[in-house]
C-alpha atoms as a PDB file:
ATOM      1  CA  MET A   1     -67.132 155.298 -29.054  1.00  0.00           C
ATOM      2  CA  GLN A   2     -70.079 155.670 -26.636  1.00  0.00           C
ATOM      3  CA  MET A   3     -71.252 159.220 -26.268  1.00  0.00           C
ATOM      4  CA  ASN A   4     -71.052 160.616 -22.732  1.00  0.00           C
ATOM      5  CA  ALA A   5     -74.185 162.382 -21.512  1.00  0.00           C
ATOM      6  CA  VAL A   6     -73.527 166.118 -21.747  1.00  0.00           C
ATOM      7  CA  LYS A   7     -75.064 169.524 -21.463  1.00  0.00           C
ATOM      8  CA  LEU A   8     -75.022 171.125 -24.866  1.00  0.00           C
ATOM      9  CA  THR A   9     -75.286 174.771 -25.872  1.00  0.00           C
ATOM     10  CA  VAL A  10     -75.857 175.256 -29.588  1.00  0.00           C
ATOM     11  CA  ASP A  11     -75.339 178.581 -31.398  1.00  0.00           C
ATOM     12  CA  CYS A  12     -76.973 178.888 -34.814  1.00  0.00           C
ATOM     13  CA  THR A  13     -78.102 181.692 -37.077  1.00  0.00           C
ATOM     14  CA  LEU A  14     -81.686 181.511 -38.219  1.00  0.00           C
ATOM     15  CA  GLY A  15     -81.337 181.874 -41.958  1.00  0.00           C
ATOM     16  CA  ASN A  16     -84.302 182.036 -44.303  1.00  0.00           C
ATOM     17  CA  ASN A  17     -84.367 178.249 -44.608  1.00  0.00           C
ATOM     18  CA  LEU A  18     -84.868 177.831 -40.863  1.00  0.00           C
ATOM     19  CA  LEU A  19     -87.207 180.767 -40.447  1.00  0.00           C
ATOM     20  CA  ALA A  20     -89.459 179.190 -43.048  1.00  0.00           C
ATOM     21  CA  LEU A  21     -89.780 175.879 -41.246  1.00  0.00           C
ATOM     22  CA  ALA A  22     -93.309 174.729 -40.481  1.00  0.00           C
ATOM     23  CA  GLY A  23     -94.838 173.744 -37.208  1.00  0.00           C
ATOM     24  CA  ASP A  24     -94.140 170.053 -37.791  1.00  0.00           C
ATOM     25  CA  SER A  25     -90.373 170.500 -38.148  1.00  0.00           C
ATOM     26  CA  ALA A  26     -87.894 169.119 -35.599  1.00  0.00           C
ATOM     27  CA  LEU A  27     -86.861 172.620 -34.589  1.00  0.00           C
ATOM     28  CA  ALA A  28     -90.488 173.652 -34.017  1.00  0.00           C
ATOM     29  CA  LEU A  29     -90.973 170.546 -31.906  1.00  0.00           C
ATOM     30  CA  LEU A  30     -87.924 171.422 -29.777  1.00  0.00           C
ATOM     31  CA  LEU A  31     -89.077 174.949 -29.289  1.00  0.00           C
ATOM     32  CA  SER A  32     -92.558 173.888 -28.307  1.00  0.00           C
ATOM     33  CA  LYS A  33     -91.137 171.925 -25.371  1.00  0.00           C
ATOM     34  CA  ALA A  34     -88.576 174.522 -24.342  1.00  0.00           C
ATOM     35  CA  ASN A  35     -88.424 177.483 -22.033  1.00  0.00           C
ATOM     36  CA  VAL A  36     -88.056 180.291 -24.632  1.00  0.00           C
ATOM     37  CA  ARG A  37     -86.828 183.862 -24.280  1.00  0.00           C
ATOM     38  CA  LEU A  38     -86.323 186.526 -26.946  1.00  0.00           C
ATOM     39  CA  LEU A  39     -83.280 188.722 -26.262  1.00  0.00           C
ATOM     40  CA  ASP A  40     -82.697 192.126 -27.898  1.00  0.00           C
ATOM     41  CA  LEU A  41     -79.085 191.171 -28.592  1.00  0.00           C
ATOM     42  CA  PRO A  42     -77.375 189.667 -31.664  1.00  0.00           C
ATOM     43  CA  LEU A  43     -75.995 186.188 -31.333  1.00  0.00           C
ATOM     44  CA  GLU A  44     -72.339 187.253 -31.197  1.00  0.00           C
ATOM     45  CA  ALA A  45     -73.075 189.654 -28.335  1.00  0.00           C
ATOM     46  CA  VAL A  46     -74.909 186.895 -26.435  1.00  0.00           C
ATOM     47  CA  VAL A  47     -71.908 184.517 -26.837  1.00  0.00           C
ATOM     48  CA  CYS A  48     -69.504 187.229 -25.640  1.00  0.00           C
ATOM     49  CA  ILE A  49     -71.606 188.121 -22.590  1.00  0.00           C
ATOM     50  CA  GLN A  50     -71.933 184.471 -21.611  1.00  0.00           C
ATOM     51  CA  HIS A  51     -68.190 184.291 -21.308  1.00  0.00           C
ATOM     52  CA  GLY A  52     -67.724 187.502 -19.384  1.00  0.00           C
ATOM     53  CA  LEU A  53     -66.860 189.899 -22.213  1.00  0.00           C
ATOM     54  CA  ALA A  54     -68.332 193.418 -22.008  1.00  0.00           C
ATOM     55  CA  ALA A  55     -68.816 195.954 -24.752  1.00  0.00           C
ATOM     56  CA  ARG A  56     -66.364 198.796 -24.216  1.00  0.00           C
ATOM     57  CA  PRO A  57     -67.801 200.127 -26.434  1.00  0.00           C
ATOM     58  CA  ASP A  58     -67.425 197.071 -28.765  1.00  0.00           C
ATOM     59  CA  TYR A  59     -67.162 193.459 -27.744  1.00  0.00           C
ATOM     60  CA  PRO A  60     -63.482 192.644 -28.478  1.00  0.00           C
ATOM     61  CA  ILE A  61     -64.256 190.071 -31.101  1.00  0.00           C
ATOM     62  CA  ALA A  62     -61.557 191.092 -33.566  1.00  0.00           C
ATOM     63  CA  PRO A  63     -58.412 190.543 -31.409  1.00  0.00           C
ATOM     64  CA  ILE A  64     -59.768 187.285 -29.985  1.00  0.00           C
ATOM     65  CA  ALA A  65     -60.582 185.972 -33.469  1.00  0.00           C
ATOM     66  CA  ALA A  66     -57.381 187.268 -35.095  1.00  0.00           C
ATOM     67  CA  GLN A  67     -55.186 185.610 -32.448  1.00  0.00           C
ATOM     68  CA  ALA A  68     -56.757 182.230 -33.271  1.00  0.00           C
ATOM     69  CA  ASP A  69     -56.590 183.079 -36.968  1.00  0.00           C
ATOM     70  CA  GLY A  70     -52.813 183.048 -36.995  1.00  0.00           C
ATOM     71  CA  LEU A  71     -52.113 186.802 -36.488  1.00  0.00           C
ATOM     72  CA  ALA A  72     -49.778 188.311 -33.920  1.00  0.00           C
ATOM     73  CA  VAL A  73     -52.253 190.487 -32.045  1.00  0.00           C
ATOM     74  CA  GLY A  74     -49.977 191.888 -29.317  1.00  0.00           C
ATOM     75  CA  ASP A  75     -51.429 194.846 -27.468  1.00  0.00           C
ATOM     76  CA  ALA A  76     -52.652 196.680 -30.552  1.00  0.00           C
ATOM     77  CA  TYR A  77     -56.293 197.666 -31.305  1.00  0.00           C
ATOM     78  CA  TRP A  78     -57.933 195.431 -33.966  1.00  0.00           C
ATOM     79  CA  LEU A  79     -61.165 195.538 -35.952  1.00  0.00           C
ATOM     80  CA  ARG A  80     -62.769 192.976 -38.181  1.00  0.00           C
ATOM     81  CA  ALA A  81     -62.896 194.338 -41.694  1.00  0.00           C
ATOM     82  CA  ASP A  82     -65.333 192.024 -43.450  1.00  0.00           C
ATOM     83  CA  PRO A  83     -65.580 192.229 -47.241  1.00  0.00           C
ATOM     84  CA  ILE A  84     -69.166 193.169 -48.154  1.00  0.00           C
ATOM     85  CA  HIS A  85     -71.444 194.180 -50.944  1.00  0.00           C
ATOM     86  CA  LEU A  86     -73.529 197.336 -50.460  1.00  0.00           C
ATOM     87  CA  LEU A  87     -76.683 197.297 -52.537  1.00  0.00           C
ATOM     88  CA  LEU A  88     -77.867 200.633 -53.962  1.00  0.00           C
ATOM     89  CA  GLN A  89     -81.503 201.344 -53.045  1.00  0.00           C
ATOM     90  CA  ARG A  90     -83.537 204.276 -54.285  1.00  0.00           C
ATOM     91  CA  ASP A  91     -81.843 206.784 -51.948  1.00  0.00           C
ATOM     92  CA  SER A  92     -79.593 204.689 -49.729  1.00  0.00           C
ATOM     93  CA  PHE A  93     -77.334 201.654 -49.475  1.00  0.00           C
ATOM     94  CA  SER A  94     -78.247 198.383 -47.698  1.00  0.00           C
ATOM     95  CA  LEU A  95     -75.880 195.695 -46.389  1.00  0.00           C
ATOM     96  CA  SER A  96     -76.314 192.547 -48.490  1.00  0.00           C
ATOM     97  CA  GLU A  97     -76.054 189.023 -47.206  1.00  0.00           C
ATOM     98  CA  PRO A  98     -73.821 187.152 -46.725  1.00  0.00           C
ATOM     99  CA  VAL A  99     -71.263 188.852 -44.447  1.00  0.00           C
ATOM    100  CA  PRO A 100     -68.429 188.290 -45.071  1.00  0.00           C
ATOM    101  CA  LEU A 101     -68.722 188.008 -48.793  1.00  0.00           C
ATOM    102  CA  PRO A 102     -66.920 184.879 -50.175  1.00  0.00           C
ATOM    103  CA  VAL A 103     -63.642 186.004 -51.795  1.00  0.00           C
ATOM    104  CA  THR A 104     -60.935 183.748 -53.277  1.00  0.00           C
ATOM    105  CA  HIS A 105     -57.535 184.002 -51.558  1.00  0.00           C
ATOM    106  CA  ASP A 106     -55.899 185.455 -54.654  1.00  0.00           C
ATOM    107  CA  HIS A 107     -58.532 188.161 -54.959  1.00  0.00           C
ATOM    108  CA  ALA A 108     -58.436 188.847 -51.242  1.00  0.00           C
ATOM    109  CA  GLU A 109     -54.635 189.392 -51.352  1.00  0.00           C
ATOM    110  CA  MET A 110     -55.035 191.857 -54.254  1.00  0.00           C
ATOM    111  CA  LEU A 111     -57.806 193.840 -52.420  1.00  0.00           C
ATOM    112  CA  ILE A 112     -55.900 193.822 -49.074  1.00  0.00           C
ATOM    113  CA  ALA A 113     -52.771 195.065 -50.912  1.00  0.00           C
ATOM    114  CA  ALA A 114     -54.780 197.958 -52.375  1.00  0.00           C
ATOM    115  CA  LEU A 115     -56.186 198.839 -48.958  1.00  0.00           C
ATOM    116  CA  ASN A 116     -52.754 198.784 -47.349  1.00  0.00           C
ATOM    117  CA  ARG A 117     -51.183 201.009 -50.080  1.00  0.00           C
ATOM    118  CA  HIS A 118     -53.989 203.572 -49.550  1.00  0.00           C
ATOM    119  CA  PHE A 119     -54.376 203.536 -45.750  1.00  0.00           C
ATOM    120  CA  GLY A 120     -50.849 202.767 -44.553  1.00  0.00           C
ATOM    121  CA  GLN A 121     -50.205 206.430 -43.944  1.00  0.00           C
ATOM    122  CA  ASP A 122     -53.270 206.531 -41.641  1.00  0.00           C
ATOM    123  CA  GLY A 123     -51.882 203.911 -39.294  1.00  0.00           C
ATOM    124  CA  MET A 124     -54.041 201.088 -40.616  1.00  0.00           C
ATOM    125  CA  ALA A 125     -52.691 197.675 -41.613  1.00  0.00           C
ATOM    126  CA  PHE A 126     -55.083 195.182 -43.145  1.00  0.00           C
ATOM    127  CA  PHE A 127     -54.500 191.361 -42.761  1.00  0.00           C
ATOM    128  CA  ILE A 128     -55.997 188.111 -43.977  1.00  0.00           C
ATOM    129  CA  GLY A 129     -56.262 185.366 -41.323  1.00  0.00           C
ATOM    130  CA  ARG A 130     -55.773 181.672 -41.942  1.00  0.00           C
ATOM    131  CA  SER A 131     -59.551 181.248 -42.252  1.00  0.00           C
ATOM    132  CA  GLY A 132     -59.697 183.946 -44.945  1.00  0.00           C
ATOM    133  CA  ALA A 133     -61.253 186.497 -42.578  1.00  0.00           C
ATOM    134  CA  TRP A 134     -60.130 190.094 -42.890  1.00  0.00           C
ATOM    135  CA  TYR A 135     -58.880 192.285 -40.038  1.00  0.00           C
ATOM    136  CA  VAL A 136     -57.331 195.763 -39.614  1.00  0.00           C
ATOM    137  CA  ARG A 137     -54.734 196.708 -36.977  1.00  0.00           C
ATOM    138  CA  LEU A 138     -54.639 200.320 -35.889  1.00  0.00           C
ATOM    139  CA  SER A 139     -51.690 202.351 -34.568  1.00  0.00           C
ATOM    140  CA  LYS A 140     -53.930 204.109 -32.083  1.00  0.00           C
ATOM    141  CA  ILE A 141     -57.193 203.380 -30.336  1.00  0.00           C
ATOM    142  CA  PRO A 142     -60.098 205.043 -32.141  1.00  0.00           C
ATOM    143  CA  GLU A 143     -62.956 206.755 -30.343  1.00  0.00           C
ATOM    144  CA  ILE A 144     -65.704 204.883 -32.147  1.00  0.00           C
ATOM    145  CA  GLN A 145     -68.433 202.339 -31.571  1.00  0.00           C
ATOM    146  CA  THR A 146     -69.259 199.913 -34.382  1.00  0.00           C
ATOM    147  CA  THR A 147     -72.306 197.687 -35.151  1.00  0.00           C
ATOM    148  CA  LEU A 148     -72.128 193.952 -35.525  1.00  0.00           C
ATOM    149  CA  PRO A 149     -72.985 193.100 -39.121  1.00  0.00           C
ATOM    150  CA  SER A 150     -75.998 190.836 -38.236  1.00  0.00           C
ATOM    151  CA  VAL A 151     -77.769 193.913 -36.848  1.00  0.00           C
ATOM    152  CA  ALA A 152     -77.427 195.841 -40.115  1.00  0.00           C
ATOM    153  CA  LEU A 153     -78.089 193.065 -42.655  1.00  0.00           C
ATOM    154  CA  ASP A 154     -80.598 194.058 -45.362  1.00  0.00           C
ATOM    155  CA  ARG A 155     -81.092 197.517 -43.853  1.00  0.00           C
ATOM    156  CA  ASN A 156     -80.187 201.072 -44.698  1.00  0.00           C
ATOM    157  CA  ILE A 157     -76.606 201.329 -43.381  1.00  0.00           C
ATOM    158  CA  TYR A 158     -76.809 205.033 -42.505  1.00  0.00           C
ATOM    159  CA  GLN A 159     -77.885 204.438 -38.941  1.00  0.00           C
ATOM    160  CA  PHE A 160     -75.281 201.720 -38.387  1.00  0.00           C
ATOM    161  CA  MET A 161     -72.166 203.738 -39.327  1.00  0.00           C
ATOM    162  CA  PRO A 162     -69.423 204.090 -36.738  1.00  0.00           C
ATOM    163  CA  GLN A 163     -70.495 206.342 -33.837  1.00  0.00           C
ATOM    164  CA  GLY A 164     -68.389 208.463 -31.432  1.00  0.00           C
ATOM    165  CA  THR A 165     -65.854 211.241 -31.338  1.00  0.00           C
ATOM    166  CA  ASP A 166     -63.955 209.890 -34.331  1.00  0.00           C
ATOM    167  CA  ALA A 167     -67.026 208.882 -36.297  1.00  0.00           C
ATOM    168  CA  SER A 168     -66.639 211.521 -39.089  1.00  0.00           C
ATOM    169  CA  ALA A 169     -63.093 210.305 -39.855  1.00  0.00           C
ATOM    170  CA  TRP A 170     -64.290 206.677 -40.070  1.00  0.00           C
ATOM    171  CA  VAL A 171     -67.156 207.531 -42.285  1.00  0.00           C
ATOM    172  CA  SER A 172     -64.618 209.288 -44.522  1.00  0.00           C
ATOM    173  CA  TYR A 173     -62.472 206.139 -44.514  1.00  0.00           C
ATOM    174  CA  LEU A 174     -65.442 204.070 -45.653  1.00  0.00           C
ATOM    175  CA  ASN A 175     -66.183 206.549 -48.459  1.00  0.00           C
ATOM    176  CA  GLU A 176     -62.523 206.281 -49.593  1.00  0.00           C
ATOM    177  CA  ILE A 177     -62.758 202.438 -49.436  1.00  0.00           C
ATOM    178  CA  GLN A 178     -65.836 202.466 -51.696  1.00  0.00           C
ATOM    179  CA  MET A 179     -64.087 204.715 -54.224  1.00  0.00           C
ATOM    180  CA  LEU A 180     -60.885 202.605 -54.030  1.00  0.00           C
ATOM    181  CA  LEU A 181     -62.771 199.331 -54.670  1.00  0.00           C
ATOM    182  CA  HIS A 182     -65.263 200.645 -57.255  1.00  0.00           C
ATOM    183  CA  ASP A 183     -63.258 199.896 -60.342  1.00  0.00           C
ATOM    184  CA  HIS A 184     -60.624 197.586 -58.913  1.00  0.00           C
ATOM    185  CA  PRO A 185     -59.728 194.770 -61.393  1.00  0.00           C
ATOM    186  CA  VAL A 186     -60.936 192.168 -58.933  1.00  0.00           C
ATOM    187  CA  ASN A 187     -64.407 193.647 -58.928  1.00  0.00           C
ATOM    188  CA  ILE A 188     -64.430 194.008 -62.670  1.00  0.00           C
ATOM    189  CA  GLN A 189     -63.623 190.293 -62.931  1.00  0.00           C
ATOM    190  CA  ARG A 190     -66.199 189.361 -60.264  1.00  0.00           C
ATOM    191  CA  GLU A 191     -68.972 191.303 -61.983  1.00  0.00           C
ATOM    192  CA  SER A 192     -68.129 189.772 -65.382  1.00  0.00           C
ATOM    193  CA  GLY A 193     -68.623 186.407 -63.755  1.00  0.00           C
ATOM    194  CA  HIS A 194     -71.949 187.548 -62.227  1.00  0.00           C
ATOM    195  CA  GLN A 195     -70.589 187.755 -58.723  1.00  0.00           C
ATOM    196  CA  ALA A 196     -71.351 190.585 -56.310  1.00  0.00           C
ATOM    197  CA  ALA A 197     -68.588 193.173 -56.217  1.00  0.00           C
ATOM    198  CA  VAL A 198     -66.623 193.699 -53.004  1.00  0.00           C
ATOM    199  CA  ASN A 199     -67.480 197.373 -52.851  1.00  0.00           C
ATOM    200  CA  SER A 200     -66.818 198.094 -49.157  1.00  0.00           C
ATOM    201  CA  VAL A 201     -65.767 196.550 -45.833  1.00  0.00           C
ATOM    202  CA  TRP A 202     -67.690 196.383 -42.579  1.00  0.00           C
ATOM    203  CA  PHE A 203     -65.723 197.318 -39.453  1.00  0.00           C
ATOM    204  CA  SER A 204     -66.893 195.658 -36.179  1.00  0.00           C
ATOM    205  CA  GLY A 205     -65.810 193.974 -32.971  1.00  0.00           C
ATOM    206  CA  GLY A 206     -63.044 196.403 -32.153  1.00  0.00           C
ATOM    207  CA  GLY A 207     -60.752 196.202 -29.167  1.00  0.00           C
ATOM    208  CA  VAL A 208     -57.420 195.079 -27.664  1.00  0.00           C
ATOM    209  CA  MET A 209     -56.863 191.558 -26.447  1.00  0.00           C
ATOM    210  CA  PRO A 210     -58.616 191.359 -23.033  1.00  0.00           C
ATOM    211  CA  GLN A 211     -57.001 189.855 -19.949  1.00  0.00           C
ATOM    212  CA  PRO A 212     -58.189 186.308 -19.142  1.00  0.00           C
ATOM    213  CA  LEU A 213     -61.124 186.222 -16.771  1.00  0.00           C
ATOM    214  CA  PRO A 214     -62.402 183.526 -14.369  1.00  0.00           C
ATOM    215  CA  PRO A 215     -64.962 181.358 -16.161  1.00  0.00           C
ATOM    216  CA  GLU A 216     -68.512 182.729 -15.988  1.00  0.00           C
ATOM    217  CA  SER A 217     -69.964 179.586 -17.471  1.00  0.00           C
ATOM    218  CA  ASP A 218     -69.597 175.815 -16.879  1.00  0.00           C
ATOM    219  CA  ILE A 219     -68.867 175.302 -20.567  1.00  0.00           C
ATOM    220  CA  ASP A 220     -65.681 173.265 -20.780  1.00  0.00           C
ATOM    221  CA  LYS A 221     -65.329 172.590 -24.492  1.00  0.00           C
ATOM    222  CA  PHE A 222     -65.866 174.391 -27.795  1.00  0.00           C
ATOM    223  CA  VAL A 223     -66.901 172.493 -30.923  1.00  0.00           C
ATOM    224  CA  ALA A 224     -66.756 175.016 -33.804  1.00  0.00           C
ATOM    225  CA  ASN A 225     -65.045 176.152 -37.026  1.00  0.00           C
ATOM    226  CA  SER A 226     -64.988 179.964 -36.802  1.00  0.00           C
ATOM    227  CA  PRO A 227     -62.034 182.028 -35.575  1.00  0.00           C
ATOM    228  CA  LEU A 228     -64.165 183.708 -32.873  1.00  0.00           C
ATOM    229  CA  TYR A 229     -65.039 180.367 -31.249  1.00  0.00           C
ATOM    230  CA  HIS A 230     -61.538 179.015 -31.476  1.00  0.00           C
ATOM    231  CA  GLY A 231     -60.262 182.311 -30.110  1.00  0.00           C
ATOM    232  CA  LEU A 232     -62.670 182.200 -27.201  1.00  0.00           C
ATOM    233  CA  ALA A 233     -61.556 178.627 -26.420  1.00  0.00           C
ATOM    234  CA  GLN A 234     -57.932 179.660 -26.460  1.00  0.00           C
ATOM    235  CA  TRP A 235     -58.555 182.818 -24.397  1.00  0.00           C
ATOM    236  CA  LEU A 236     -60.352 180.738 -21.775  1.00  0.00           C
ATOM    237  CA  GLY A 237     -57.868 177.926 -21.888  1.00  0.00           C
ATOM    238  CA  LEU A 238     -60.508 175.310 -22.942  1.00  0.00           C
ATOM    239  CA  PRO A 239     -60.176 172.471 -25.434  1.00  0.00           C
ATOM    240  CA  GLU A 240     -61.511 172.964 -28.910  1.00  0.00           C
ATOM    241  CA  GLN A 241     -62.639 170.606 -31.591  1.00  0.00           C
ATOM    242  CA  ALA A 242     -63.601 171.150 -35.254  1.00  0.00           C
ATOM    243  CA  ALA A 243     -67.314 170.907 -36.046  1.00  0.00           C
ATOM    244  CA  GLN A 244     -67.257 168.276 -38.720  1.00  0.00           C
ATOM    245  CA  PRO A 245     -70.522 166.907 -40.185  1.00  0.00           C
ATOM    246  CA  PRO A 246     -72.575 164.779 -39.843  1.00  0.00           C
ATOM    247  CA  LEU A 247     -73.939 166.015 -36.576  1.00  0.00           C
ATOM    248  CA  ALA A 248     -74.757 162.552 -35.249  1.00  0.00           C
ATOM    249  CA  GLY A 249     -71.136 161.492 -35.660  1.00  0.00           C
ATOM    250  CA  LEU A 250     -69.962 164.771 -34.153  1.00  0.00           C
ATOM    251  CA  LEU A 251     -72.017 164.119 -30.989  1.00  0.00           C
ATOM    252  CA  GLN A 252     -70.764 160.544 -30.860  1.00  0.00           C
ATOM    253  CA  HIS A 253     -67.094 161.619 -30.898  1.00  0.00           C
ATOM    254  CA  MET A 254     -67.255 164.764 -28.757  1.00  0.00           C
ATOM    255  CA  GLY A 255     -64.998 163.228 -26.159  1.00  0.00           C
ATOM    256  CA  ALA A 256     -64.843 163.898 -22.416  1.00  0.00           C
ATOM    257  CA  CYS A 257     -66.641 167.048 -21.431  1.00  0.00           C
ATOM    258  CA  LEU A 258     -69.532 168.077 -19.206  1.00  0.00           C
ATOM    259  CA  HIS A 259     -70.854 171.047 -21.128  1.00  0.00           C
ATOM    260  CA  ALA A 260     -69.971 171.691 -24.764  1.00  0.00           C
ATOM    261  CA  ARG A 261     -70.611 174.759 -26.871  1.00  0.00           C
ATOM    262  CA  LEU A 262     -71.383 173.844 -30.466  1.00  0.00           C
ATOM    263  CA  GLU A 263     -71.436 176.271 -33.371  1.00  0.00           C
ATOM    264  CA  LEU A 264     -73.745 175.190 -36.178  1.00  0.00           C
ATOM    265  CA  PRO A 265     -73.769 176.787 -39.665  1.00  0.00           C
ATOM    266  CA  GLY A 266     -77.432 177.751 -39.839  1.00  0.00           C
ATOM    267  CA  ARG A 267     -77.267 179.000 -43.430  1.00  0.00           C
ATOM    268  CA  HIS A 268     -76.657 175.448 -44.656  1.00  0.00           C
ATOM    269  CA  LEU A 269     -78.443 173.511 -41.873  1.00  0.00           C
ATOM    270  CA  SER A 270     -81.052 170.888 -42.724  1.00  0.00           C
ATOM    271  CA  ASP A 271     -83.827 170.484 -40.180  1.00  0.00           C
ATOM    272  CA  ASP A 272     -83.717 166.702 -40.342  1.00  0.00           C
ATOM    273  CA  MET A 273     -79.923 166.499 -40.229  1.00  0.00           C
ATOM    274  CA  GLY A 274     -79.559 169.032 -37.416  1.00  0.00           C
ATOM    275  CA  PHE A 275     -82.388 169.577 -35.021  1.00  0.00           C
ATOM    276  CA  GLY A 276     -83.816 166.105 -35.566  1.00  0.00           C
ATOM    277  CA  VAL A 277     -80.528 164.632 -34.344  1.00  0.00           C
ATOM    278  CA  LEU A 278     -80.597 166.966 -31.330  1.00  0.00           C
ATOM    279  CA  HIS A 279     -84.134 165.969 -30.498  1.00  0.00           C
ATOM    280  CA  ASP A 280     -83.262 162.270 -30.646  1.00  0.00           C
ATOM    281  CA  ALA A 281     -80.193 162.778 -28.447  1.00  0.00           C
ATOM    282  CA  LEU A 282     -82.273 164.614 -25.909  1.00  0.00           C
ATOM    283  CA  ARG A 283     -85.000 161.964 -25.951  1.00  0.00           C
ATOM    284  CA  THR A 284     -82.454 159.231 -25.346  1.00  0.00           C
ATOM    285  CA  ARG A 285     -80.797 161.327 -22.550  1.00  0.00           C
ATOM    286  CA  LYS A 286     -77.470 161.538 -24.362  1.00  0.00           C
ATOM    287  CA  ILE A 287     -77.985 165.312 -23.850  1.00  0.00           C
ATOM    288  CA  THR A 288     -78.920 166.201 -20.287  1.00  0.00           C
ATOM    289  CA  GLN A 289     -79.865 169.799 -21.143  1.00  0.00           C
ATOM    290  CA  LEU A 290     -80.017 171.538 -24.508  1.00  0.00           C
ATOM    291  CA  THR A 291     -79.789 175.300 -24.884  1.00  0.00           C
ATOM    292  CA  LEU A 292     -80.383 176.752 -28.307  1.00  0.00           C
ATOM    293  CA  ASN A 293     -79.119 180.286 -29.058  1.00  0.00           C
ATOM    294  CA  LEU A 294     -80.798 181.108 -32.325  1.00  0.00           C
ATOM    295  CA  GLY A 295     -79.603 184.377 -33.807  1.00  0.00           C
ATOM    296  CA  CYS A 296     -81.905 186.391 -36.060  1.00  0.00           C
ATOM    297  CA  TYR A 297     -80.442 189.809 -37.074  1.00  0.00           C
ATOM    298  CA  GLU A 298     -80.452 191.984 -33.915  1.00  0.00           C
ATOM    299  CA  LYS A 299     -82.283 189.437 -31.723  1.00  0.00           C
ATOM    300  CA  THR A 300     -81.485 185.997 -30.295  1.00  0.00           C
ATOM    301  CA  LEU A 301     -84.012 183.371 -29.383  1.00  0.00           C
ATOM    302  CA  VAL A 302     -82.799 181.418 -26.397  1.00  0.00           C
ATOM    303  CA  ALA A 303     -84.514 178.073 -25.799  1.00  0.00           C
ATOM    304  CA  THR A 304     -83.645 175.631 -22.991  1.00  0.00           C
ATOM    305  CA  VAL A 305     -85.054 172.124 -22.938  1.00  0.00           C
ATOM    306  CA  ARG A 306     -84.401 169.000 -20.787  1.00  0.00           C
ATOM    307  CA  PRO A 307     -85.175 165.323 -21.553  1.00  0.00           C
ATOM    308  CA  ILE A 308     -88.265 165.419 -19.275  1.00  0.00           C
ATOM    309  CA  ASP A 309     -89.689 168.345 -21.288  1.00  0.00           C
ATOM    310  CA  ILE A 310     -89.909 166.232 -24.389  1.00  0.00           C
ATOM    311  CA  TYR A 311     -92.958 164.542 -22.864  1.00  0.00           C
ATOM    312  CA  LYS A 312     -94.979 167.760 -22.439  1.00  0.00           C
ATOM    313  CA  PHE A 313     -97.346 166.579 -25.118  1.00  0.00           C
ATOM    314  CA  TRP A 314     -99.882 169.296 -24.418  1.00  0.00           C
ATOM    315  CA  ARG A 315     -97.522 171.961 -25.824  1.00  0.00           C
ATOM    316  CA  LYS A 316     -98.320 172.378 -29.484  1.00  0.00           C
ATOM    317  CA  SER A 317     -95.745 173.167 -32.188  1.00  0.00           C
ATOM    318  CA  LYS A 318     -95.969 176.336 -34.237  1.00  0.00           C
ATOM    319  CA  PRO A 319     -93.986 177.833 -37.186  1.00  0.00           C
ATOM    320  CA  ILE A 320     -90.569 179.152 -36.293  1.00  0.00           C
ATOM    321  CA  GLY A 321     -91.228 182.717 -37.400  1.00  0.00           C
ATOM    322  CA  THR A 322     -93.970 183.172 -34.760  1.00  0.00           C
ATOM    323  CA  TYR A 323     -91.429 183.048 -32.006  1.00  0.00           C
ATOM    324  CA  LEU A 324     -89.816 186.273 -33.246  1.00  0.00           C
ATOM    325  CA  LYS A 325     -92.941 188.420 -33.249  1.00  0.00           C
END
């Protein structure tokens, strides 16, 4: 199948492997030719804003993702409840990567059952989506604002605890969760196998399912694997497609669309396999405009490049990390 020329927006997290890329990498070459801006927003917030979602006070990521993840969202208030590992520092706890922590389905069911037994009387019901993601449905809307996990990664969590009128109650819930999970049989088994214990959860992305809005973007297709992206596609009434490697084949079989949004798994992305393919597609005008949204903790690097920009030979490449300073 011949690939149609498309605009492409690519969302990717800059993991350590990408941040360490040298100035002669394909990503560095793309950035050197691009119009680059550094936003003081995490990647998930950027994606939400680009599709008309506002933070009130959270971006309603949880209900949108949960709906696509096979859960009956209704008009209830939902939060993501990612399983995490908190690492004890000298006088604080930090949020360890990755978030969410990988948990087998059997272990997840045991931990979720324990959470539901303990918190059912507080109007909280925990669920596992088809993807394995964790959510909690609340019987009433809480007066809190949460922090997206990418903002808090590898930092003292104290300043990223829930804020607002009900903050003290939610900090208490988190303390109870830590005590509940501390000596749970699942964690005893995980630690005996040299795996990080699931010693807490991270609440974020709270809200009720928002009403559909007129499109604020010309994006007309989502190519992704995560519940949030599938949920956004369904909420917007747009077609969706799984992001199956290799990337060259994915671009070849993207089908009829004018502007696709592609979610790439940055933590496992190879420079040659990923950004090299994008560079070649841009050079051969199979991509008419490429926008890279590169998330790095609380910031997002936004780079836009067109085929004609590839020939700006006077722009020199530099290491990826220098763009974030």
